Amino acid sequence: MSDLFAGIETLEPRIPEPKTVEPRAPDRDYIRKNLTRLLRTAQRAEVMPWSDGEARSWEERFPELTALLGPEEGDAILAAFRTELERLRKAA
């Protein structure tokens, strides 16, 4: 019996090369807008507006995000946010 596939080269699966993606610069306006919105939420609240987990998450993320803004602006927003979190935790 003859080999039906004689002379045909086997094809190995072709795995595409990973695409190189250039990192984008952070969108400072977007970051500023969202941090300011969160700060306003905290400032207007009489009790903690977030669950314990959400508050901890924002407490961890805020320094990372404010570091992407200019030092003076970022430090001021971070200090205001920490002050509000402290006030809200005391109110609980």
PDB file of N, CA and C in Angstrom:
ATOM      1  N   MET A   1       0.838  -1.176   0.000  1.00  0.00           N
ATOM      2  CA  MET A   1       0.000   0.000   0.000  1.00  0.00           C
ATOM      3  C   MET A   1       0.887   1.244   0.000  1.00  0.00           C
ATOM      4  N   SER A   2       0.554   2.165  -0.884  1.00  0.00           N
ATOM      5  CA  SER A   2       1.387   3.357  -0.977  1.00  0.00           C
ATOM      6  C   SER A   2       0.985   4.358   0.096  1.00  0.00           C
ATOM      7  N   ASP A   3       1.952   5.164   0.506  1.00  0.00           N
ATOM      8  CA  ASP A   3       1.713   6.184   1.537  1.00  0.00           C
ATOM      9  C   ASP A   3       1.043   7.384   0.875  1.00  0.00           C
ATOM     10  N   LEU A   4      -0.189   7.672   1.281  1.00  0.00           N
ATOM     11  CA  LEU A   4      -0.940   8.776   0.686  1.00  0.00           C
ATOM     12  C   LEU A   4      -0.292  10.133   0.911  1.00  0.00           C
ATOM     13  N   PHE A   5       0.471  10.214   1.976  1.00  0.00           N
ATOM     14  CA  PHE A   5       1.052  11.510   2.330  1.00  0.00           C
ATOM     15  C   PHE A   5       2.536  11.595   1.986  1.00  0.00           C
ATOM     16  N   ALA A   6       3.010  10.709   1.180  1.00  0.00           N
ATOM     17  CA  ALA A   6       4.418  10.730   0.802  1.00  0.00           C
ATOM     18  C   ALA A   6       4.724  12.019   0.060  1.00  0.00           C
ATOM     19  N   GLY A   7       5.793  12.607   0.382  1.00  0.00           N
ATOM     20  CA  GLY A   7       6.216  13.811  -0.300  1.00  0.00           C
ATOM     21  C   GLY A   7       5.605  15.088   0.253  1.00  0.00           C
ATOM     22  N   ILE A   8       4.690  14.949   1.194  1.00  0.00           N
ATOM     23  CA  ILE A   8       4.091  16.152   1.789  1.00  0.00           C
ATOM     24  C   ILE A   8       4.825  16.441   3.089  1.00  0.00           C
ATOM     25  N   GLU A   9       5.311  17.639   3.174  1.00  0.00           N
ATOM     26  CA  GLU A   9       6.015  18.015   4.406  1.00  0.00           C
ATOM     27  C   GLU A   9       4.996  18.267   5.513  1.00  0.00           C
ATOM     28  N   THR A  10       5.371  17.888   6.688  1.00  0.00           N
ATOM     29  CA  THR A  10       4.477  18.159   7.814  1.00  0.00           C
ATOM     30  C   THR A  10       4.585  19.631   8.184  1.00  0.00           C
ATOM     31  N   LEU A  11       3.454  20.174   8.484  1.00  0.00           N
ATOM     32  CA  LEU A  11       3.436  21.576   8.875  1.00  0.00           C
ATOM     33  C   LEU A  11       3.376  21.660  10.390  1.00  0.00           C
ATOM     34  N   GLU A  12       4.278  22.389  10.935  1.00  0.00           N
ATOM     35  CA  GLU A  12       4.248  22.585  12.374  1.00  0.00           C
ATOM     36  C   GLU A  12       3.334  23.765  12.667  1.00  0.00           C
ATOM     37  N   PRO A  13       2.647  23.713  13.783  1.00  0.00           N
ATOM     38  CA  PRO A  13       1.764  24.841  14.100  1.00  0.00           C
ATOM     39  C   PRO A  13       2.567  26.139  14.169  1.00  0.00           C
ATOM     40  N   ARG A  14       2.000  27.166  13.594  1.00  0.00           N
ATOM     41  CA  ARG A  14       2.681  28.458  13.597  1.00  0.00           C
ATOM     42  C   ARG A  14       2.155  29.286  14.759  1.00  0.00           C
ATOM     43  N   ILE A  15       3.048  29.586  15.634  1.00  0.00           N
ATOM     44  CA  ILE A  15       2.705  30.421  16.780  1.00  0.00           C
ATOM     45  C   ILE A  15       3.160  31.829  16.453  1.00  0.00           C
ATOM     46  N   PRO A  16       2.215  32.756  16.443  1.00  0.00           N
ATOM     47  CA  PRO A  16       2.609  34.122  16.089  1.00  0.00           C
ATOM     48  C   PRO A  16       3.553  34.724  17.131  1.00  0.00           C
ATOM     49  N   GLU A  17       4.432  35.538  16.637  1.00  0.00           N
ATOM     50  CA  GLU A  17       5.354  36.241  17.527  1.00  0.00           C
ATOM     51  C   GLU A  17       4.555  37.238  18.359  1.00  0.00           C
ATOM     52  N   PRO A  18       4.898  37.372  19.646  1.00  0.00           N
ATOM     53  CA  PRO A  18       4.172  38.357  20.464  1.00  0.00           C
ATOM     54  C   PRO A  18       4.432  39.763  19.945  1.00  0.00           C
ATOM     55  N   LYS A  19       3.379  40.549  19.953  1.00  0.00           N
ATOM     56  CA  LYS A  19       3.513  41.925  19.494  1.00  0.00           C
ATOM     57  C   LYS A  19       4.126  42.767  20.600  1.00  0.00           C
ATOM     58  N   THR A  20       5.016  43.628  20.210  1.00  0.00           N
ATOM     59  CA  THR A  20       5.624  44.532  21.168  1.00  0.00           C
ATOM     60  C   THR A  20       4.732  45.764  21.278  1.00  0.00           C
ATOM     61  N   VAL A  21       4.322  46.046  22.491  1.00  0.00           N
ATOM     62  CA  VAL A  21       3.455  47.193  22.725  1.00  0.00           C
ATOM     63  C   VAL A  21       4.244  48.228  23.510  1.00  0.00           C
ATOM     64  N   GLU A  22       4.308  49.395  22.960  1.00  0.00           N
ATOM     65  CA  GLU A  22       5.004  50.480  23.644  1.00  0.00           C
ATOM     66  C   GLU A  22       4.153  50.958  24.814  1.00  0.00           C
ATOM     67  N   PRO A  23       4.744  51.091  25.993  1.00  0.00           N
ATOM     68  CA  PRO A  23       3.960  51.590  27.129  1.00  0.00           C
ATOM     69  C   PRO A  23       3.527  53.035  26.883  1.00  0.00           C
ATOM     70  N   ARG A  24       2.270  53.309  27.258  1.00  0.00           N
ATOM     71  CA  ARG A  24       1.765  54.666  27.090  1.00  0.00           C
ATOM     72  C   ARG A  24       2.097  55.489  28.327  1.00  0.00           C
ATOM     73  N   ALA A  25       2.269  56.748  28.108  1.00  0.00           N
ATOM     74  CA  ALA A  25       2.465  57.663  29.232  1.00  0.00           C
ATOM     75  C   ALA A  25       1.148  57.747  29.997  1.00  0.00           C
ATOM     76  N   PRO A  26       1.218  57.869  31.319  1.00  0.00           N
ATOM     77  CA  PRO A  26      -0.029  57.962  32.080  1.00  0.00           C
ATOM     78  C   PRO A  26      -0.822  59.209  31.687  1.00  0.00           C
ATOM     79  N   ASP A  27      -2.114  59.065  31.652  1.00  0.00           N
ATOM     80  CA  ASP A  27      -3.000  60.184  31.335  1.00  0.00           C
ATOM     81  C   ASP A  27      -3.258  60.941  32.642  1.00  0.00           C
ATOM     82  N   ARG A  28      -2.460  61.954  32.880  1.00  0.00           N
ATOM     83  CA  ARG A  28      -2.522  62.687  34.154  1.00  0.00           C
ATOM     84  C   ARG A  28      -3.870  63.370  34.363  1.00  0.00           C
ATOM     85  N   ASP A  29      -4.468  63.860  33.299  1.00  0.00           N
ATOM     86  CA  ASP A  29      -5.785  64.495  33.433  1.00  0.00           C
ATOM     87  C   ASP A  29      -6.827  63.495  33.910  1.00  0.00           C
ATOM     88  N   TYR A  30      -6.793  62.288  33.359  1.00  0.00           N
ATOM     89  CA  TYR A  30      -7.727  61.235  33.753  1.00  0.00           C
ATOM     90  C   TYR A  30      -7.495  60.836  35.212  1.00  0.00           C
ATOM     91  N   ILE A  31      -6.229  60.658  35.573  1.00  0.00           N
ATOM     92  CA  ILE A  31      -5.881  60.287  36.953  1.00  0.00           C
ATOM     93  C   ILE A  31      -6.336  61.385  37.915  1.00  0.00           C
ATOM     94  N   ARG A  32      -6.016  62.619  37.585  1.00  0.00           N
ATOM     95  CA  ARG A  32      -6.390  63.766  38.436  1.00  0.00           C
ATOM     96  C   ARG A  32      -7.908  63.831  38.617  1.00  0.00           C
ATOM     97  N   LYS A  33      -8.653  63.672  37.541  1.00  0.00           N
ATOM     98  CA  LYS A  33     -10.116  63.737  37.589  1.00  0.00           C
ATOM     99  C   LYS A  33     -10.676  62.671  38.528  1.00  0.00           C
ATOM    100  N   ASN A  34     -10.171  61.447  38.424  1.00  0.00           N
ATOM    101  CA  ASN A  34     -10.683  60.362  39.247  1.00  0.00           C
ATOM    102  C   ASN A  34     -10.254  60.475  40.704  1.00  0.00           C
ATOM    103  N   LEU A  35      -9.026  60.898  40.946  1.00  0.00           N
ATOM    104  CA  LEU A  35      -8.587  61.091  42.330  1.00  0.00           C
ATOM    105  C   LEU A  35      -9.381  62.215  42.990  1.00  0.00           C
ATOM    106  N   THR A  36      -9.635  63.277  42.233  1.00  0.00           N
ATOM    107  CA  THR A  36     -10.407  64.402  42.760  1.00  0.00           C
ATOM    108  C   THR A  36     -11.839  63.968  43.053  1.00  0.00           C
ATOM    109  N   ARG A  37     -12.403  63.141  42.196  1.00  0.00           N
ATOM    110  CA  ARG A  37     -13.757  62.626  42.428  1.00  0.00           C
ATOM    111  C   ARG A  37     -13.811  61.797  43.704  1.00  0.00           C
ATOM    112  N   LEU A  38     -12.821  60.933  43.908  1.00  0.00           N
ATOM    113  CA  LEU A  38     -12.773  60.120  45.121  1.00  0.00           C
ATOM    114  C   LEU A  38     -12.574  60.981  46.362  1.00  0.00           C
ATOM    115  N   LEU A  39     -11.729  61.983  46.249  1.00  0.00           N
ATOM    116  CA  LEU A  39     -11.503  62.892  47.373  1.00  0.00           C
ATOM    117  C   LEU A  39     -12.788  63.634  47.719  1.00  0.00           C
ATOM    118  N   ARG A  40     -13.501  64.131  46.716  1.00  0.00           N
ATOM    119  CA  ARG A  40     -14.778  64.825  46.962  1.00  0.00           C
ATOM    120  C   ARG A  40     -15.791  63.897  47.620  1.00  0.00           C
ATOM    121  N   THR A  41     -15.826  62.650  47.188  1.00  0.00           N
ATOM    122  CA  THR A  41     -16.731  61.674  47.801  1.00  0.00           C
ATOM    123  C   THR A  41     -16.425  61.550  49.290  1.00  0.00           C
ATOM    124  N   ALA A  42     -15.154  61.438  49.621  1.00  0.00           N
ATOM    125  CA  ALA A  42     -14.754  61.322  51.032  1.00  0.00           C
ATOM    126  C   ALA A  42     -15.071  62.605  51.796  1.00  0.00           C
ATOM    127  N   GLN A  43     -14.807  63.754  51.190  1.00  0.00           N
ATOM    128  CA  GLN A  43     -15.044  65.030  51.874  1.00  0.00           C
ATOM    129  C   GLN A  43     -16.526  65.263  52.159  1.00  0.00           C
ATOM    130  N   ARG A  44     -17.386  64.816  51.282  1.00  0.00           N
ATOM    131  CA  ARG A  44     -18.826  65.037  51.439  1.00  0.00           C
ATOM    132  C   ARG A  44     -19.490  64.005  52.349  1.00  0.00           C
ATOM    133  N   ALA A  45     -18.788  62.923  52.622  1.00  0.00           N
ATOM    134  CA  ALA A  45     -19.379  61.830  53.391  1.00  0.00           C
ATOM    135  C   ALA A  45     -19.345  62.127  54.885  1.00  0.00           C
ATOM    136  N   GLU A  46     -20.395  61.676  55.557  1.00  0.00           N
ATOM    137  CA  GLU A  46     -20.440  61.759  57.019  1.00  0.00           C
ATOM    138  C   GLU A  46     -20.000  60.440  57.644  1.00  0.00           C
ATOM    139  N   VAL A  47     -20.174  59.361  56.889  1.00  0.00           N
ATOM    140  CA  VAL A  47     -19.689  58.036  57.285  1.00  0.00           C
ATOM    141  C   VAL A  47     -18.896  57.471  56.104  1.00  0.00           C
ATOM    142  N   MET A  48     -18.111  56.437  56.377  1.00  0.00           N
ATOM    143  CA  MET A  48     -17.255  55.854  55.338  1.00  0.00           C
ATOM    144  C   MET A  48     -18.107  55.428  54.135  1.00  0.00           C
ATOM    145  N   PRO A  49     -17.828  55.983  52.961  1.00  0.00           N
ATOM    146  CA  PRO A  49     -18.636  55.666  51.773  1.00  0.00           C
ATOM    147  C   PRO A  49     -18.258  54.345  51.100  1.00  0.00           C
ATOM    148  N   TRP A  50     -17.213  53.689  51.580  1.00  0.00           N
ATOM    149  CA  TRP A  50     -16.746  52.446  50.982  1.00  0.00           C
ATOM    150  C   TRP A  50     -16.703  51.344  52.023  1.00  0.00           C
ATOM    151  N   SER A  51     -16.764  50.115  51.553  1.00  0.00           N
ATOM    152  CA  SER A  51     -16.590  48.964  52.444  1.00  0.00           C
ATOM    153  C   SER A  51     -15.153  48.982  52.974  1.00  0.00           C
ATOM    154  N   ASP A  52     -14.879  48.172  53.998  1.00  0.00           N
ATOM    155  CA  ASP A  52     -13.514  48.113  54.539  1.00  0.00           C
ATOM    156  C   ASP A  52     -12.505  47.740  53.458  1.00  0.00           C
ATOM    157  N   GLY A  53     -12.877  46.768  52.637  1.00  0.00           N
ATOM    158  CA  GLY A  53     -11.978  46.322  51.567  1.00  0.00           C
ATOM    159  C   GLY A  53     -11.720  47.404  50.530  1.00  0.00           C
ATOM    160  N   GLU A  54     -12.779  48.111  50.145  1.00  0.00           N
ATOM    161  CA  GLU A  54     -12.620  49.196  49.167  1.00  0.00           C
ATOM    162  C   GLU A  54     -11.772  50.326  49.747  1.00  0.00           C
ATOM    163  N   ALA A  55     -12.020  50.665  51.004  1.00  0.00           N
ATOM    164  CA  ALA A  55     -11.245  51.737  51.643  1.00  0.00           C
ATOM    165  C   ALA A  55      -9.765  51.361  51.706  1.00  0.00           C
ATOM    166  N   ARG A  56      -9.472  50.098  52.079  1.00  0.00           N
ATOM    167  CA  ARG A  56      -8.075  49.641  52.118  1.00  0.00           C
ATOM    168  C   ARG A  56      -7.453  49.683  50.734  1.00  0.00           C
ATOM    169  N   SER A  57      -8.230  49.266  49.737  1.00  0.00           N
ATOM    170  CA  SER A  57      -7.726  49.277  48.368  1.00  0.00           C
ATOM    171  C   SER A  57      -7.385  50.694  47.921  1.00  0.00           C
ATOM    172  N   TRP A  58      -8.282  51.645  48.181  1.00  0.00           N
ATOM    173  CA  TRP A  58      -8.006  53.031  47.802  1.00  0.00           C
ATOM    174  C   TRP A  58      -6.835  53.591  48.591  1.00  0.00           C
ATOM    175  N   GLU A  59      -6.723  53.198  49.847  1.00  0.00           N
ATOM    176  CA  GLU A  59      -5.610  53.670  50.673  1.00  0.00           C
ATOM    177  C   GLU A  59      -4.277  53.183  50.108  1.00  0.00           C
ATOM    178  N   GLU A  60      -4.265  51.990  49.534  1.00  0.00           N
ATOM    179  CA  GLU A  60      -3.049  51.446  48.918  1.00  0.00           C
ATOM    180  C   GLU A  60      -2.792  52.065  47.545  1.00  0.00           C
ATOM    181  N   ARG A  61      -3.838  52.267  46.769  1.00  0.00           N
ATOM    182  CA  ARG A  61      -3.696  52.757  45.390  1.00  0.00           C
ATOM    183  C   ARG A  61      -3.430  54.252  45.301  1.00  0.00           C
ATOM    184  N   PHE A  62      -3.982  55.013  46.250  1.00  0.00           N
ATOM    185  CA  PHE A  62      -3.852  56.466  46.176  1.00  0.00           C
ATOM    186  C   PHE A  62      -2.400  56.932  46.066  1.00  0.00           C
ATOM    187  N   PRO A  63      -1.475  56.431  46.896  1.00  0.00           N
ATOM    188  CA  PRO A  63      -0.074  56.877  46.761  1.00  0.00           C
ATOM    189  C   PRO A  63       0.522  56.549  45.394  1.00  0.00           C
ATOM    190  N   GLU A  64       0.163  55.381  44.847  1.00  0.00           N
ATOM    191  CA  GLU A  64       0.676  54.998  43.529  1.00  0.00           C
ATOM    192  C   GLU A  64       0.173  55.968  42.460  1.00  0.00           C
ATOM    193  N   LEU A  65      -1.105  56.304  42.544  1.00  0.00           N
ATOM    194  CA  LEU A  65      -1.703  57.171  41.530  1.00  0.00           C
ATOM    195  C   LEU A  65      -1.260  58.626  41.687  1.00  0.00           C
ATOM    196  N   THR A  66      -1.189  59.111  42.922  1.00  0.00           N
ATOM    197  CA  THR A  66      -0.760  60.507  43.107  1.00  0.00           C
ATOM    198  C   THR A  66       0.703  60.686  42.721  1.00  0.00           C
ATOM    199  N   ALA A  67       1.508  59.617  42.799  1.00  0.00           N
ATOM    200  CA  ALA A  67       2.912  59.703  42.392  1.00  0.00           C
ATOM    201  C   ALA A  67       3.043  59.983  40.899  1.00  0.00           C
ATOM    202  N   LEU A  68       1.992  59.690  40.119  1.00  0.00           N
ATOM    203  CA  LEU A  68       2.023  59.943  38.681  1.00  0.00           C
ATOM    204  C   LEU A  68       1.744  61.402  38.347  1.00  0.00           C
ATOM    205  N   LEU A  69       1.261  62.147  39.328  1.00  0.00           N
ATOM    206  CA  LEU A  69       1.044  63.583  39.146  1.00  0.00           C
ATOM    207  C   LEU A  69       2.329  64.298  39.558  1.00  0.00           C
ATOM    208  N   GLY A  70       2.370  65.592  39.415  1.00  0.00           N
ATOM    209  CA  GLY A  70       3.539  66.338  39.885  1.00  0.00           C
ATOM    210  C   GLY A  70       3.671  66.180  41.389  1.00  0.00           C
ATOM    211  N   PRO A  71       4.890  66.273  41.934  1.00  0.00           N
ATOM    212  CA  PRO A  71       5.089  66.044  43.363  1.00  0.00           C
ATOM    213  C   PRO A  71       4.229  66.932  44.268  1.00  0.00           C
ATOM    214  N   GLU A  72       4.179  68.202  43.979  1.00  0.00           N
ATOM    215  CA  GLU A  72       3.399  69.098  44.847  1.00  0.00           C
ATOM    216  C   GLU A  72       1.914  68.775  44.783  1.00  0.00           C
ATOM    217  N   GLU A  73       1.392  68.612  43.586  1.00  0.00           N
ATOM    218  CA  GLU A  73      -0.026  68.311  43.417  1.00  0.00           C
ATOM    219  C   GLU A  73      -0.371  66.945  44.007  1.00  0.00           C
ATOM    220  N   GLY A  74       0.436  65.947  43.701  1.00  0.00           N
ATOM    221  CA  GLY A  74       0.199  64.598  44.195  1.00  0.00           C
ATOM    222  C   GLY A  74       0.240  64.529  45.713  1.00  0.00           C
ATOM    223  N   ASP A  75       1.232  65.186  46.310  1.00  0.00           N
ATOM    224  CA  ASP A  75       1.356  65.179  47.774  1.00  0.00           C
ATOM    225  C   ASP A  75       0.157  65.854  48.431  1.00  0.00           C
ATOM    226  N   ALA A  76      -0.318  66.939  47.846  1.00  0.00           N
ATOM    227  CA  ALA A  76      -1.452  67.666  48.415  1.00  0.00           C
ATOM    228  C   ALA A  76      -2.732  66.826  48.350  1.00  0.00           C
ATOM    229  N   ILE A  77      -2.971  66.174  47.222  1.00  0.00           N
ATOM    230  CA  ILE A  77      -4.171  65.338  47.082  1.00  0.00           C
ATOM    231  C   ILE A  77      -4.089  64.140  48.028  1.00  0.00           C
ATOM    232  N   LEU A  78      -2.915  63.533  48.128  1.00  0.00           N
ATOM    233  CA  LEU A  78      -2.741  62.383  49.007  1.00  0.00           C
ATOM    234  C   LEU A  78      -2.953  62.774  50.471  1.00  0.00           C
ATOM    235  N   ALA A  79      -2.383  63.906  50.888  1.00  0.00           N
ATOM    236  CA  ALA A  79      -2.545  64.355  52.279  1.00  0.00           C
ATOM    237  C   ALA A  79      -4.017  64.620  52.586  1.00  0.00           C
ATOM    238  N   ALA A  80      -4.718  65.250  51.665  1.00  0.00           N
ATOM    239  CA  ALA A  80      -6.144  65.536  51.871  1.00  0.00           C
ATOM    240  C   ALA A  80      -6.937  64.236  51.965  1.00  0.00           C
ATOM    241  N   PHE A  81      -6.621  63.269  51.126  1.00  0.00           N
ATOM    242  CA  PHE A  81      -7.333  61.992  51.150  1.00  0.00           C
ATOM    243  C   PHE A  81      -7.084  61.255  52.468  1.00  0.00           C
ATOM    244  N   ARG A  82      -5.837  61.220  52.914  1.00  0.00           N
ATOM    245  CA  ARG A  82      -5.517  60.553  54.183  1.00  0.00           C
ATOM    246  C   ARG A  82      -6.226  61.231  55.360  1.00  0.00           C
ATOM    247  N   THR A  83      -6.306  62.554  55.326  1.00  0.00           N
ATOM    248  CA  THR A  83      -7.020  63.288  56.368  1.00  0.00           C
ATOM    249  C   THR A  83      -8.488  62.887  56.397  1.00  0.00           C
ATOM    250  N   GLU A  84      -9.093  62.787  55.227  1.00  0.00           N
ATOM    251  CA  GLU A  84     -10.506  62.411  55.146  1.00  0.00           C
ATOM    252  C   GLU A  84     -10.734  60.979  55.608  1.00  0.00           C
ATOM    253  N   LEU A  85      -9.833  60.057  55.233  1.00  0.00           N
ATOM    254  CA  LEU A  85      -9.988  58.681  55.687  1.00  0.00           C
ATOM    255  C   LEU A  85      -9.903  58.596  57.210  1.00  0.00           C
ATOM    256  N   GLU A  86      -8.976  59.338  57.785  1.00  0.00           N
ATOM    257  CA  GLU A  86      -8.839  59.359  59.238  1.00  0.00           C
ATOM    258  C   GLU A  86     -10.110  59.902  59.894  1.00  0.00           C
ATOM    259  N   ARG A  87     -10.648  60.984  59.358  1.00  0.00           N
ATOM    260  CA  ARG A  87     -11.877  61.574  59.885  1.00  0.00           C
ATOM    261  C   ARG A  87     -13.031  60.587  59.794  1.00  0.00           C
ATOM    262  N   LEU A  88     -13.167  59.924  58.661  1.00  0.00           N
ATOM    263  CA  LEU A  88     -14.258  58.969  58.464  1.00  0.00           C
ATOM    264  C   LEU A  88     -14.128  57.742  59.364  1.00  0.00           C
ATOM    265  N   ARG A  89     -12.911  57.300  59.589  1.00  0.00           N
ATOM    266  CA  ARG A  89     -12.720  56.139  60.469  1.00  0.00           C
ATOM    267  C   ARG A  89     -13.049  56.494  61.920  1.00  0.00           C
ATOM    268  N   LYS A  90     -12.744  57.723  62.318  1.00  0.00           N
ATOM    269  CA  LYS A  90     -13.078  58.159  63.677  1.00  0.00           C
ATOM    270  C   LYS A  90     -14.592  58.290  63.842  1.00  0.00           C
ATOM    271  N   ALA A  91     -15.279  58.633  62.772  1.00  0.00           N
ATOM    272  CA  ALA A  91     -16.734  58.809  62.825  1.00  0.00           C
ATOM    273  C   ALA A  91     -17.461  57.466  62.939  1.00  0.00           C
ATOM    274  N   ALA A  92     -16.789  56.401  62.571  1.00  0.00           N
ATOM    275  CA  ALA A  92     -17.441  55.069  62.578  1.00  0.00           C
ATOM    276  C   ALA A  92     -17.653  54.544  63.980  1.00  0.00           C
TER     277      ALA A  92
END
